[in-house]
Every structure is written in structure tokens, then in C-alpha cells.
C-alpha atoms as a PDB file:
ATOM      1  CA  UNK A   1     156.147 195.055 126.924  1.00  0.00           C
ATOM      2  CA  UNK A   2     152.411 195.222 126.293  1.00  0.00           C
ATOM      3  CA  UNK A   3     150.587 192.772 124.073  1.00  0.00           C
ATOM      4  CA  UNK A   4     147.320 193.782 122.430  1.00  0.00           C
ATOM      5  CA  UNK A   5     145.537 191.358 120.152  1.00  0.00           C
ATOM      6  CA  UNK A   6     144.585 193.271 117.020  1.00  0.00           C
ATOM      7  CA  UNK A   7     141.380 191.252 116.701  1.00  0.00           C
ATOM      8  CA  UNK A   8     140.138 192.771 119.957  1.00  0.00           C
ATOM      9  CA  UNK A   9     140.070 196.291 118.472  1.00  0.00           C
ATOM     10  CA  UNK A  10     137.278 197.791 116.389  1.00  0.00           C
ATOM     11  CA  UNK A  11     139.755 199.167 113.821  1.00  0.00           C
ATOM     12  CA  UNK A  12     143.138 197.388 113.842  1.00  0.00           C
ATOM     13  CA  UNK A  13     144.224 198.923 110.505  1.00  0.00           C
ATOM     14  CA  UNK A  14     146.344 201.613 112.209  1.00  0.00           C
ATOM     15  CA  UNK A  15     148.481 199.126 114.182  1.00  0.00           C
ATOM     16  CA  UNK A  16     152.095 198.563 113.173  1.00  0.00           C
ATOM     17  CA  UNK A  17     154.090 195.723 114.773  1.00  0.00           C
ATOM     18  CA  UNK A  18     157.023 196.943 116.869  1.00  0.00           C
ATOM     19  CA  UNK A  19     158.519 193.578 117.884  1.00  0.00           C
ATOM     20  CA  UNK A  20     158.522 190.004 116.580  1.00  0.00           C
ATOM     21  CA  UNK A  21     159.270 187.353 119.226  1.00  0.00           C
ATOM     22  CA  UNK A  22     160.033 183.630 118.898  1.00  0.00           C
ATOM     23  CA  UNK A  23     161.181 184.118 115.302  1.00  0.00           C
ATOM     24  CA  UNK A  24     163.421 181.033 115.467  1.00  0.00           C
ATOM     25  CA  UNK A  25     160.287 178.866 115.336  1.00  0.00           C
ATOM     26  CA  UNK A  26     158.347 180.984 112.811  1.00  0.00           C
ATOM     27  CA  UNK A  27     156.915 179.248 109.790  1.00  0.00           C
ATOM     28  CA  UNK A  28     158.516 180.190 106.448  1.00  0.00           C
ATOM     29  CA  UNK A  29     155.233 181.728 105.253  1.00  0.00           C
ATOM     30  CA  UNK A  30     154.954 184.045 108.288  1.00  0.00           C
ATOM     31  CA  UNK A  31     154.891 187.716 107.294  1.00  0.00           C
ATOM     32  CA  UNK A  32     157.594 189.723 109.060  1.00  0.00           C
ATOM     33  CA  UNK A  33     157.749 193.499 109.007  1.00  0.00           C
ATOM     34  CA  UNK A  34     161.236 194.898 108.372  1.00  0.00           C
ATOM     35  CA  UNK A  35     160.730 197.858 110.724  1.00  0.00           C
ATOM     36  CA  UNK A  36     160.007 195.607 113.704  1.00  0.00           C
ATOM     37  CA  UNK A  37     162.731 194.399 116.066  1.00  0.00           C
ATOM     38  CA  UNK A  38     163.139 190.620 115.915  1.00  0.00           C
ATOM     39  CA  UNK A  39     163.984 188.283 118.798  1.00  0.00           C
ATOM     40  CA  UNK A  40     164.761 184.599 118.255  1.00  0.00           C
ATOM     41  CA  UNK A  41     163.219 183.883 121.661  1.00  0.00           C
ATOM     42  CA  UNK A  42     161.530 185.878 124.398  1.00  0.00           C
ATOM     43  CA  UNK A  43     163.359 189.182 125.007  1.00  0.00           C
ATOM     44  CA  UNK A  44     165.035 189.738 128.342  1.00  0.00           C
END
């Protein structure tokens, strides 16, 4: 798995999340993308 912080790119508008991790501790207002795979904790 590679992690790239979108804020480090000049144009992050083309990025689409592929995975959400640690979703069991996500705040209720956190935006989740339906197309992304979700893991309650760290995968693996």
C-alpha cells in the first residue's frame, strides 16, 4: 500500500480514494466514498 497526502500535490482534484482504513474509529461526520474498500482497522 502506498500513502500519498493529497495536500502535497499541486493538483489533487484527480485523486480518488481506493481504501479507507481505521473506519471503526471514524467520526460520524467523516466523508466516506462508496467505491473505496473499507477496513475497520489496518489491513493485513
